[in-house]
């Protein structure tokens, strides 16, 4: 089946829980899936599908663990035209920067040629206290197209 990388941007762990659940769901379909909390371009080279599961930190920023990867993408500007991307953003709608952190990474990836293969999901922790549920439902809607 397909090699899928899940890139996790997390501060308090919610994104990591979601990524773990997604990984289990995709593996049950026969895909080869790995999660990365501190990814690098070279580690991700063999993967054609990337799922970014990322929260927003502070005033619309990326979590500290994924910021170095965003910096690497911005500095090196690699050709990522072979990559298909999906975004699962997690945020709190009581902030005016709701789900804006991951957008910085997605913009950098798009600049490098990544193709967005599915509409993103923005999970509001104010509305969904168990963010894994909407994330898995979103994944189920398109996972057969991988």
N, C-alpha and C. Protein backbone atom coordinates (compact mmCIF):
# COMPACT_ATOMS: atom_id res chain seq x y z
N UNK A 1 0.84 -1.18 0.00
CA UNK A 1 0.00 0.00 0.00
C UNK A 1 0.89 1.25 0.00
N UNK A 2 0.39 2.33 0.57
CA UNK A 2 1.05 3.63 0.49
C UNK A 2 1.87 3.93 1.74
N UNK A 3 3.00 4.62 1.54
CA UNK A 3 3.81 5.08 2.67
C UNK A 3 3.31 6.47 3.07
N UNK A 4 2.90 6.60 4.32
CA UNK A 4 2.31 7.84 4.81
C UNK A 4 3.10 8.32 6.02
N UNK A 5 3.44 9.61 6.01
CA UNK A 5 4.09 10.24 7.16
C UNK A 5 3.09 11.16 7.83
N UNK A 6 2.99 11.04 9.14
CA UNK A 6 2.16 11.96 9.91
C UNK A 6 3.10 12.88 10.67
N UNK A 7 3.01 14.18 10.36
CA UNK A 7 3.85 15.19 10.99
C UNK A 7 3.04 15.83 12.11
N UNK A 8 3.57 15.80 13.31
CA UNK A 8 2.82 16.23 14.48
C UNK A 8 3.41 17.51 15.06
N UNK A 9 2.57 18.51 15.19
CA UNK A 9 2.93 19.74 15.89
C UNK A 9 2.08 19.82 17.15
N UNK A 10 2.71 19.71 18.31
CA UNK A 10 1.94 19.63 19.54
C UNK A 10 2.59 20.39 20.67
N UNK A 11 1.75 20.92 21.53
CA UNK A 11 2.23 21.58 22.75
C UNK A 11 1.78 20.80 23.97
N UNK A 12 0.51 20.45 24.02
CA UNK A 12 -0.04 19.75 25.19
C UNK A 12 -0.36 18.28 24.93
N UNK A 13 -0.15 17.79 23.72
CA UNK A 13 -0.32 16.38 23.44
C UNK A 13 -1.55 15.99 22.64
N UNK A 14 -2.52 16.88 22.48
CA UNK A 14 -3.74 16.51 21.74
C UNK A 14 -3.44 16.08 20.31
N UNK A 15 -2.56 16.79 19.65
CA UNK A 15 -2.22 16.44 18.26
C UNK A 15 -1.56 15.07 18.18
N UNK A 16 -0.77 14.76 19.18
CA UNK A 16 -0.11 13.45 19.20
C UNK A 16 -1.11 12.32 19.38
N UNK A 17 -2.11 12.53 20.24
CA UNK A 17 -3.15 11.52 20.42
C UNK A 17 -3.91 11.30 19.12
N UNK A 18 -4.25 12.39 18.44
CA UNK A 18 -4.96 12.29 17.17
C UNK A 18 -4.10 11.53 16.15
N UNK A 19 -2.84 11.88 16.07
CA UNK A 19 -1.92 11.22 15.12
C UNK A 19 -1.83 9.72 15.39
N UNK A 20 -1.76 9.34 16.66
CA UNK A 20 -1.69 7.92 17.01
C UNK A 20 -2.94 7.18 16.54
N UNK A 21 -4.10 7.80 16.74
CA UNK A 21 -5.36 7.17 16.30
C UNK A 21 -5.42 7.06 14.78
N UNK A 22 -4.98 8.11 14.10
CA UNK A 22 -4.95 8.08 12.63
C UNK A 22 -4.00 6.99 12.13
N UNK A 23 -2.85 6.90 12.78
CA UNK A 23 -1.88 5.89 12.38
C UNK A 23 -2.49 4.49 12.51
N UNK A 24 -3.16 4.23 13.60
CA UNK A 24 -3.80 2.92 13.78
C UNK A 24 -4.83 2.66 12.69
N UNK A 25 -5.65 3.67 12.39
CA UNK A 25 -6.69 3.51 11.39
C UNK A 25 -6.09 3.23 10.01
N UNK A 26 -5.04 3.95 9.66
CA UNK A 26 -4.41 3.76 8.35
C UNK A 26 -3.65 2.44 8.26
N UNK A 27 -3.01 2.06 9.35
CA UNK A 27 -2.31 0.76 9.35
C UNK A 27 -3.28 -0.40 9.20
N UNK A 28 -4.48 -0.26 9.77
CA UNK A 28 -5.48 -1.33 9.65
C UNK A 28 -5.91 -1.52 8.20
N UNK A 29 -5.69 -0.50 7.36
CA UNK A 29 -6.01 -0.59 5.93
C UNK A 29 -4.82 -1.09 5.11
N UNK A 30 -3.69 -1.36 5.79
CA UNK A 30 -2.53 -1.91 5.12
C UNK A 30 -1.47 -0.89 4.72
N UNK A 31 -1.66 0.37 5.10
CA UNK A 31 -0.67 1.39 4.75
C UNK A 31 0.54 1.31 5.70
N UNK A 32 1.67 1.77 5.20
CA UNK A 32 2.87 1.88 6.02
C UNK A 32 2.91 3.32 6.55
N UNK A 33 2.76 3.47 7.86
CA UNK A 33 2.59 4.80 8.45
C UNK A 33 3.61 5.02 9.57
N UNK A 34 4.20 6.22 9.57
CA UNK A 34 5.12 6.62 10.64
C UNK A 34 4.76 8.02 11.09
N UNK A 35 4.92 8.27 12.40
CA UNK A 35 4.69 9.59 12.98
C UNK A 35 6.02 10.27 13.26
N UNK A 36 6.06 11.58 13.05
CA UNK A 36 7.26 12.37 13.27
C UNK A 36 6.94 13.59 14.11
N UNK A 37 7.57 13.68 15.27
CA UNK A 37 7.42 14.84 16.14
C UNK A 37 8.46 15.91 15.84
N UNK A 38 9.58 15.51 15.28
CA UNK A 38 10.66 16.44 14.90
C UNK A 38 11.16 16.04 13.52
N UNK A 39 10.32 16.21 12.50
CA UNK A 39 10.69 15.73 11.17
C UNK A 39 11.81 16.55 10.53
N UNK A 40 12.46 15.92 9.58
CA UNK A 40 13.43 16.61 8.71
C UNK A 40 13.08 16.24 7.27
N UNK A 41 13.52 17.05 6.35
CA UNK A 41 13.24 16.80 4.94
C UNK A 41 13.79 15.44 4.52
N UNK A 42 14.99 15.12 4.95
CA UNK A 42 15.61 13.85 4.53
C UNK A 42 14.84 12.64 5.06
N UNK A 43 14.33 12.72 6.28
CA UNK A 43 13.54 11.60 6.83
C UNK A 43 12.26 11.37 6.04
N UNK A 44 11.67 12.43 5.54
CA UNK A 44 10.37 12.35 4.89
C UNK A 44 10.45 12.06 3.40
N UNK A 45 11.66 12.03 2.85
CA UNK A 45 11.85 11.86 1.41
C UNK A 45 11.13 10.64 0.83
N UNK A 46 11.09 9.49 1.51
CA UNK A 46 10.44 8.33 0.89
C UNK A 46 8.91 8.35 0.89
N UNK A 47 8.32 9.34 1.55
CA UNK A 47 6.86 9.36 1.69
C UNK A 47 6.22 10.24 0.63
N UNK A 48 5.14 9.74 0.03
CA UNK A 48 4.40 10.51 -0.96
C UNK A 48 3.15 11.17 -0.38
N UNK A 49 2.73 10.71 0.79
CA UNK A 49 1.59 11.31 1.49
C UNK A 49 2.03 11.80 2.85
N UNK A 50 1.73 13.05 3.13
CA UNK A 50 2.00 13.62 4.44
C UNK A 50 0.69 14.12 5.02
N UNK A 51 0.44 13.76 6.26
CA UNK A 51 -0.69 14.30 6.99
C UNK A 51 -0.11 15.14 8.12
N UNK A 52 -0.45 16.42 8.12
CA UNK A 52 0.00 17.32 9.18
C UNK A 52 -1.12 17.40 10.20
N UNK A 53 -0.79 17.01 11.43
CA UNK A 53 -1.72 17.12 12.55
C UNK A 53 -1.08 18.11 13.51
N UNK A 54 -1.66 19.31 13.60
CA UNK A 54 -0.95 20.38 14.28
C UNK A 54 -1.89 21.33 15.01
N UNK A 55 -1.49 21.71 16.19
CA UNK A 55 -2.24 22.70 16.97
C UNK A 55 -1.64 24.09 16.71
N UNK A 56 -2.31 25.08 17.27
CA UNK A 56 -1.81 26.45 17.25
C UNK A 56 -1.32 26.77 18.65
N UNK A 57 -0.18 27.42 18.72
CA UNK A 57 0.42 27.77 20.01
C UNK A 57 0.48 29.29 20.12
N UNK A 58 0.24 29.79 21.31
CA UNK A 58 0.39 31.23 21.54
C UNK A 58 -0.52 32.05 20.65
N UNK A 59 0.04 33.07 20.04
CA UNK A 59 -0.72 34.00 19.20
C UNK A 59 -0.63 33.60 17.74
N UNK A 60 -1.11 32.38 17.42
CA UNK A 60 -1.11 31.91 16.04
C UNK A 60 0.19 31.32 15.57
N UNK A 61 0.98 30.80 16.49
CA UNK A 61 2.29 30.25 16.16
C UNK A 61 2.23 28.72 16.05
N UNK A 62 3.28 28.18 15.44
CA UNK A 62 3.46 26.73 15.42
C UNK A 62 3.98 26.27 16.77
N UNK A 63 3.65 25.05 17.19
CA UNK A 63 4.26 24.50 18.39
C UNK A 63 5.78 24.40 18.23
N UNK A 64 6.49 24.50 19.34
CA UNK A 64 7.96 24.50 19.32
C UNK A 64 8.56 23.28 18.63
N UNK A 65 7.92 22.12 18.75
CA UNK A 65 8.53 20.91 18.19
C UNK A 65 8.53 20.87 16.67
N UNK A 66 7.61 21.58 16.02
CA UNK A 66 7.52 21.53 14.55
C UNK A 66 8.12 22.77 13.89
N UNK A 67 8.42 23.80 14.67
CA UNK A 67 8.99 25.04 14.13
C UNK A 67 10.32 24.82 13.40
N UNK A 68 11.23 23.99 13.93
CA UNK A 68 12.49 23.77 13.19
C UNK A 68 12.27 23.18 11.79
N UNK A 69 11.26 22.32 11.65
CA UNK A 69 10.96 21.75 10.33
C UNK A 69 10.46 22.85 9.38
N UNK A 70 9.61 23.71 9.87
CA UNK A 70 9.13 24.83 9.05
C UNK A 70 10.29 25.72 8.63
N UNK A 71 11.21 25.96 9.55
CA UNK A 71 12.39 26.76 9.23
C UNK A 71 13.24 26.08 8.16
N UNK A 72 13.42 24.75 8.28
CA UNK A 72 14.20 24.00 7.30
C UNK A 72 13.56 24.09 5.91
N UNK A 73 12.25 23.95 5.85
CA UNK A 73 11.53 24.05 4.57
C UNK A 73 11.74 25.44 3.96
N UNK A 74 11.60 26.46 4.79
CA UNK A 74 11.72 27.83 4.31
C UNK A 74 13.13 28.14 3.82
N UNK A 75 14.14 27.65 4.53
CA UNK A 75 15.53 27.93 4.16
C UNK A 75 15.99 27.14 2.93
N UNK A 76 15.62 25.86 2.87
CA UNK A 76 16.13 24.99 1.80
C UNK A 76 15.27 25.00 0.55
N UNK A 77 13.98 25.33 0.69
CA UNK A 77 13.06 25.38 -0.44
C UNK A 77 13.18 24.13 -1.33
N UNK A 78 13.00 22.93 -0.74
CA UNK A 78 13.16 21.70 -1.52
C UNK A 78 12.02 21.49 -2.51
N UNK A 79 12.26 20.69 -3.52
CA UNK A 79 11.20 20.33 -4.47
C UNK A 79 10.36 19.23 -3.82
N UNK A 80 9.14 19.58 -3.47
CA UNK A 80 8.23 18.63 -2.83
C UNK A 80 7.02 18.36 -3.71
N UNK A 81 7.19 18.47 -5.00
CA UNK A 81 6.06 18.29 -5.92
C UNK A 81 5.54 16.85 -5.96
N UNK A 82 6.29 15.92 -5.39
CA UNK A 82 5.85 14.52 -5.33
C UNK A 82 4.97 14.24 -4.12
N UNK A 83 4.77 15.24 -3.24
CA UNK A 83 4.08 15.03 -1.97
C UNK A 83 2.62 15.47 -2.06
N UNK A 84 1.74 14.60 -1.56
CA UNK A 84 0.33 14.91 -1.37
C UNK A 84 0.12 15.20 0.10
N UNK A 85 -0.65 16.24 0.40
CA UNK A 85 -0.74 16.74 1.77
C UNK A 85 -2.18 16.84 2.24
N UNK A 86 -2.37 16.55 3.53
CA UNK A 86 -3.66 16.76 4.19
C UNK A 86 -3.38 17.44 5.52
N UNK A 87 -4.25 18.37 5.92
CA UNK A 87 -4.07 19.11 7.16
C UNK A 87 -5.22 18.89 8.12
N UNK A 88 -4.86 18.49 9.32
CA UNK A 88 -5.79 18.42 10.45
C UNK A 88 -5.29 19.43 11.48
N UNK A 89 -5.97 20.57 11.56
CA UNK A 89 -5.57 21.65 12.47
C UNK A 89 -6.44 21.61 13.71
N UNK A 90 -5.81 21.84 14.85
CA UNK A 90 -6.52 21.84 16.13
C UNK A 90 -6.35 23.21 16.76
N UNK A 91 -7.46 23.76 17.26
CA UNK A 91 -7.38 25.07 17.88
C UNK A 91 -8.54 25.33 18.81
N UNK A 92 -8.53 26.52 19.35
CA UNK A 92 -9.55 26.97 20.29
C UNK A 92 -10.18 28.24 19.72
N UNK A 93 -11.46 28.16 19.36
CA UNK A 93 -12.12 29.28 18.68
C UNK A 93 -12.32 30.50 19.57
N UNK A 94 -12.01 30.40 20.84
CA UNK A 94 -12.11 31.58 21.70
C UNK A 94 -10.93 32.54 21.45
N UNK A 95 -9.96 32.10 20.66
CA UNK A 95 -8.82 32.95 20.28
C UNK A 95 -9.01 33.43 18.85
N UNK A 96 -8.61 34.66 18.57
CA UNK A 96 -8.76 35.19 17.22
C UNK A 96 -7.73 34.60 16.25
N UNK A 97 -6.81 33.81 16.75
CA UNK A 97 -5.81 33.13 15.90
C UNK A 97 -6.16 31.65 15.73
N UNK A 98 -7.43 31.33 15.81
CA UNK A 98 -7.92 29.96 15.70
C UNK A 98 -7.32 29.24 14.50
N UNK A 99 -6.59 28.18 14.75
CA UNK A 99 -6.00 27.28 13.74
C UNK A 99 -5.06 27.99 12.76
N UNK A 100 -4.47 29.11 13.14
CA UNK A 100 -3.58 29.82 12.23
C UNK A 100 -2.14 29.30 12.26
N UNK A 101 -1.73 28.66 13.34
CA UNK A 101 -0.35 28.16 13.43
C UNK A 101 0.01 27.21 12.30
N UNK A 102 -0.77 26.15 12.06
CA UNK A 102 -0.42 25.21 10.99
C UNK A 102 -0.40 25.84 9.61
N UNK A 103 -1.15 26.91 9.42
CA UNK A 103 -1.20 27.55 8.10
C UNK A 103 0.18 28.05 7.67
N UNK A 104 1.01 28.44 8.63
CA UNK A 104 2.37 28.89 8.30
C UNK A 104 3.18 27.76 7.68
N UNK A 105 3.05 26.57 8.25
CA UNK A 105 3.75 25.41 7.71
C UNK A 105 3.18 25.02 6.35
N UNK A 106 1.87 25.03 6.23
CA UNK A 106 1.23 24.64 4.97
C UNK A 106 1.63 25.60 3.86
N UNK A 107 1.67 26.89 4.16
CA UNK A 107 2.09 27.87 3.15
C UNK A 107 3.52 27.59 2.68
N UNK A 108 4.41 27.28 3.62
CA UNK A 108 5.80 26.97 3.26
C UNK A 108 5.87 25.71 2.40
N UNK A 109 5.07 24.71 2.74
CA UNK A 109 5.07 23.46 1.96
C UNK A 109 4.49 23.67 0.57
N UNK A 110 3.42 24.44 0.46
CA UNK A 110 2.83 24.73 -0.85
C UNK A 110 3.83 25.46 -1.74
N UNK A 111 4.60 26.35 -1.16
CA UNK A 111 5.61 27.10 -1.91
C UNK A 111 6.63 26.14 -2.53
N UNK A 112 6.83 25.01 -1.87
CA UNK A 112 7.79 24.00 -2.35
C UNK A 112 7.15 22.99 -3.28
N UNK A 113 5.88 23.18 -3.62
CA UNK A 113 5.23 22.34 -4.62
C UNK A 113 4.32 21.25 -4.11
N UNK A 114 4.13 21.16 -2.80
CA UNK A 114 3.24 20.15 -2.24
C UNK A 114 1.84 20.34 -2.80
N UNK A 115 1.17 19.22 -3.07
CA UNK A 115 -0.21 19.26 -3.56
C UNK A 115 -1.15 18.92 -2.40
N UNK A 116 -2.08 19.80 -2.11
CA UNK A 116 -3.08 19.53 -1.08
C UNK A 116 -4.11 18.59 -1.70
N UNK A 117 -4.28 17.41 -1.11
CA UNK A 117 -5.11 16.37 -1.74
C UNK A 117 -6.52 16.27 -1.16
N UNK A 118 -6.79 17.01 -0.09
CA UNK A 118 -8.11 16.93 0.55
C UNK A 118 -8.34 18.23 1.31
N UNK A 119 -9.60 18.61 1.45
CA UNK A 119 -9.91 19.81 2.24
C UNK A 119 -9.47 19.60 3.68
N UNK A 120 -8.90 20.63 4.26
CA UNK A 120 -8.43 20.54 5.64
C UNK A 120 -9.62 20.46 6.61
N UNK A 121 -9.30 19.98 7.79
CA UNK A 121 -10.26 20.02 8.88
C UNK A 121 -9.68 20.93 9.97
N UNK A 122 -10.54 21.74 10.55
CA UNK A 122 -10.16 22.57 11.68
C UNK A 122 -11.02 22.12 12.86
N UNK A 123 -10.37 21.55 13.85
CA UNK A 123 -11.08 21.04 15.02
C UNK A 123 -11.03 22.07 16.13
N UNK A 124 -12.19 22.43 16.62
CA UNK A 124 -12.32 23.41 17.69
C UNK A 124 -12.49 22.66 19.01
N UNK A 125 -11.52 22.78 19.90
CA UNK A 125 -11.60 22.06 21.17
C UNK A 125 -12.73 22.58 22.06
N UNK A 126 -13.27 23.75 21.74
CA UNK A 126 -14.44 24.25 22.46
C UNK A 126 -15.69 23.45 22.10
N UNK A 127 -15.73 22.98 20.86
CA UNK A 127 -16.89 22.23 20.35
C UNK A 127 -16.70 20.71 20.41
N UNK A 128 -15.47 20.28 20.31
CA UNK A 128 -15.15 18.85 20.27
C UNK A 128 -14.15 18.50 21.37
N UNK A 129 -14.65 18.19 22.57
CA UNK A 129 -13.73 17.89 23.67
C UNK A 129 -12.90 16.62 23.45
N UNK A 130 -13.34 15.76 22.53
CA UNK A 130 -12.56 14.58 22.14
C UNK A 130 -12.20 14.77 20.67
N UNK A 131 -11.11 15.49 20.39
CA UNK A 131 -10.79 15.85 19.01
C UNK A 131 -10.47 14.66 18.11
N UNK A 132 -10.19 13.52 18.69
CA UNK A 132 -9.92 12.33 17.88
C UNK A 132 -11.14 11.94 17.05
N UNK A 133 -12.34 12.15 17.60
CA UNK A 133 -13.56 11.72 16.90
C UNK A 133 -13.75 12.43 15.56
N UNK A 134 -13.76 13.77 15.51
CA UNK A 134 -13.91 14.40 14.19
C UNK A 134 -12.71 14.15 13.27
N UNK A 135 -11.53 14.00 13.85
CA UNK A 135 -10.34 13.74 13.03
C UNK A 135 -10.46 12.40 12.32
N UNK A 136 -10.89 11.37 13.04
CA UNK A 136 -11.02 10.05 12.44
C UNK A 136 -12.16 10.00 11.43
N UNK A 137 -13.23 10.73 11.69
CA UNK A 137 -14.34 10.79 10.74
C UNK A 137 -13.89 11.47 9.45
N UNK A 138 -13.11 12.55 9.57
CA UNK A 138 -12.55 13.25 8.41
C UNK A 138 -11.65 12.32 7.61
N UNK A 139 -10.77 11.61 8.30
CA UNK A 139 -9.87 10.68 7.64
C UNK A 139 -10.65 9.58 6.91
N UNK A 140 -11.68 9.07 7.54
CA UNK A 140 -12.48 7.99 6.93
C UNK A 140 -13.13 8.43 5.63
N UNK A 141 -13.41 9.71 5.50
CA UNK A 141 -14.06 10.23 4.28
C UNK A 141 -13.16 10.13 3.05
N UNK A 142 -11.85 10.15 3.24
CA UNK A 142 -10.98 10.17 2.06
C UNK A 142 -9.87 9.13 2.06
N UNK A 143 -9.75 8.34 3.12
CA UNK A 143 -8.63 7.39 3.23
C UNK A 143 -8.62 6.35 2.12
N UNK A 144 -9.74 6.05 1.52
CA UNK A 144 -9.78 5.06 0.45
C UNK A 144 -9.19 5.60 -0.86
N UNK A 145 -8.96 6.90 -0.93
CA UNK A 145 -8.39 7.51 -2.13
C UNK A 145 -6.87 7.54 -2.12
N UNK A 146 -6.27 7.07 -1.03
CA UNK A 146 -4.81 7.09 -0.92
C UNK A 146 -4.23 5.95 -1.74
